[in-house]
Amino acid sequence: MPKYNNQFARPEYIDHAIVNEHDRVVGTLRVKPVSISWKPAGQHNYYSVPLSDFTAWITNPATKARRNTR
């Protein structure tokens, strides 16, 4: 195969639309290397926290978050 001069740029973030049981979007979760953001449906701005704050929160036993066993 020939060597390519061009390549696809890596995305700066990944968006995930979250839908309810009726397939209606309830919001968008945006994952960046440095932060996690949430935008409720119909809103224009994201709520955002640094990844370090999210990590501290989700691993705190008070949140009662569980590890996925799959």
C-alpha atoms as a PDB file:
ATOM      1  CA  MET A   1       0.000   0.000   0.000  1.00  0.00           C
ATOM      2  CA  PRO A   2       1.238   3.499  -0.726  1.00  0.00           C
ATOM      3  CA  LYS A   3       2.194   5.827   2.103  1.00  0.00           C
ATOM      4  CA  TYR A   4      -0.498   8.458   2.593  1.00  0.00           C
ATOM      5  CA  ASN A   5       0.293  12.155   2.977  1.00  0.00           C
ATOM      6  CA  ASN A   6      -3.063  12.968   4.606  1.00  0.00           C
ATOM      7  CA  GLN A   7      -4.957  11.413   7.474  1.00  0.00           C
ATOM      8  CA  PHE A   8      -8.209  11.826   9.381  1.00  0.00           C
ATOM      9  CA  ALA A   9      -7.986  14.232  12.295  1.00  0.00           C
ATOM     10  CA  ARG A  10      -8.955  12.799  15.668  1.00  0.00           C
ATOM     11  CA  PRO A  11     -12.126  14.300  17.089  1.00  0.00           C
ATOM     12  CA  GLU A  12     -11.724  16.787  19.941  1.00  0.00           C
ATOM     13  CA  TYR A  13     -14.802  15.360  21.658  1.00  0.00           C
ATOM     14  CA  ILE A  14     -17.430  12.654  21.319  1.00  0.00           C
ATOM     15  CA  ASP A  15     -21.140  13.423  21.709  1.00  0.00           C
ATOM     16  CA  HIS A  16     -23.681  10.823  22.804  1.00  0.00           C
ATOM     17  CA  ALA A  17     -27.405  11.555  22.533  1.00  0.00           C
ATOM     18  CA  ILE A  18     -29.295  10.041  25.474  1.00  0.00           C
ATOM     19  CA  VAL A  19     -32.851   8.947  24.642  1.00  0.00           C
ATOM     20  CA  ASN A  20     -35.724   7.810  26.846  1.00  0.00           C
ATOM     21  CA  GLU A  21     -38.030   4.810  26.438  1.00  0.00           C
ATOM     22  CA  HIS A  22     -39.962   6.712  23.737  1.00  0.00           C
ATOM     23  CA  ASP A  23     -36.790   7.420  21.715  1.00  0.00           C
ATOM     24  CA  ARG A  24     -36.971  11.123  22.594  1.00  0.00           C
ATOM     25  CA  VAL A  25     -33.667  12.847  23.298  1.00  0.00           C
ATOM     26  CA  VAL A  26     -33.359  13.832  26.959  1.00  0.00           C
ATOM     27  CA  GLY A  27     -29.899  15.320  26.567  1.00  0.00           C
ATOM     28  CA  THR A  28     -26.395  15.074  25.166  1.00  0.00           C
ATOM     29  CA  LEU A  29     -23.338  13.801  26.975  1.00  0.00           C
ATOM     30  CA  ARG A  30     -20.073  15.233  25.628  1.00  0.00           C
ATOM     31  CA  VAL A  31     -16.813  13.503  26.543  1.00  0.00           C
ATOM     32  CA  LYS A  32     -13.526  15.381  26.147  1.00  0.00           C
ATOM     33  CA  PRO A  33     -10.052  14.373  27.312  1.00  0.00           C
ATOM     34  CA  VAL A  34     -10.260  17.000  30.078  1.00  0.00           C
ATOM     35  CA  SER A  35     -13.970  17.266  30.933  1.00  0.00           C
ATOM     36  CA  ILE A  36     -17.438  15.718  30.932  1.00  0.00           C
ATOM     37  CA  SER A  37     -20.354  17.889  29.795  1.00  0.00           C
ATOM     38  CA  TRP A  38     -24.142  17.549  29.878  1.00  0.00           C
ATOM     39  CA  LYS A  39     -26.683  19.504  27.834  1.00  0.00           C
ATOM     40  CA  PRO A  40     -30.377  18.907  28.516  1.00  0.00           C
ATOM     41  CA  ALA A  41     -32.626  18.651  25.451  1.00  0.00           C
ATOM     42  CA  GLY A  42     -33.739  22.043  24.172  1.00  0.00           C
ATOM     43  CA  GLN A  43     -30.871  23.890  25.829  1.00  0.00           C
ATOM     44  CA  HIS A  44     -27.989  25.638  24.078  1.00  0.00           C
ATOM     45  CA  ASN A  45     -25.279  25.467  26.737  1.00  0.00           C
ATOM     46  CA  TYR A  46     -23.522  22.584  28.448  1.00  0.00           C
ATOM     47  CA  TYR A  47     -22.970  22.003  32.148  1.00  0.00           C
ATOM     48  CA  SER A  48     -19.349  20.914  32.457  1.00  0.00           C
ATOM     49  CA  VAL A  49     -16.961  19.554  35.092  1.00  0.00           C
ATOM     50  CA  PRO A  50     -13.264  18.770  34.824  1.00  0.00           C
ATOM     51  CA  LEU A  51     -12.503  15.086  34.398  1.00  0.00           C
ATOM     52  CA  SER A  52     -10.615  15.104  37.723  1.00  0.00           C
ATOM     53  CA  ASP A  53     -13.747  16.340  39.570  1.00  0.00           C
ATOM     54  CA  PHE A  54     -15.924  13.763  37.820  1.00  0.00           C
ATOM     55  CA  THR A  55     -13.469  10.986  38.718  1.00  0.00           C
ATOM     56  CA  ALA A  56     -13.417  12.045  42.377  1.00  0.00           C
ATOM     57  CA  TRP A  57     -17.218  12.199  42.478  1.00  0.00           C
ATOM     58  CA  ILE A  58     -17.976   8.909  40.716  1.00  0.00           C
ATOM     59  CA  THR A  59     -15.470   6.917  42.794  1.00  0.00           C
ATOM     60  CA  ASN A  60     -16.677   8.382  46.104  1.00  0.00           C
ATOM     61  CA  PRO A  61     -18.571   5.670  48.052  1.00  0.00           C
ATOM     62  CA  ALA A  62     -21.273   8.246  48.943  1.00  0.00           C
ATOM     63  CA  THR A  63     -22.458   8.267  45.310  1.00  0.00           C
ATOM     64  CA  LYS A  64     -23.186   4.519  45.541  1.00  0.00           C
ATOM     65  CA  ALA A  65     -21.941   4.122  41.963  1.00  0.00           C
ATOM     66  CA  ARG A  66     -21.274   0.506  41.016  1.00  0.00           C
ATOM     67  CA  ARG A  67     -18.750  -1.022  38.668  1.00  0.00           C
ATOM     68  CA  ASN A  68     -20.144  -2.488  35.486  1.00  0.00           C
ATOM     69  CA  THR A  69     -19.698  -6.267  35.703  1.00  0.00           C
ATOM     70  CA  ARG A  70     -20.122  -6.984  32.001  1.00  0.00           C
END
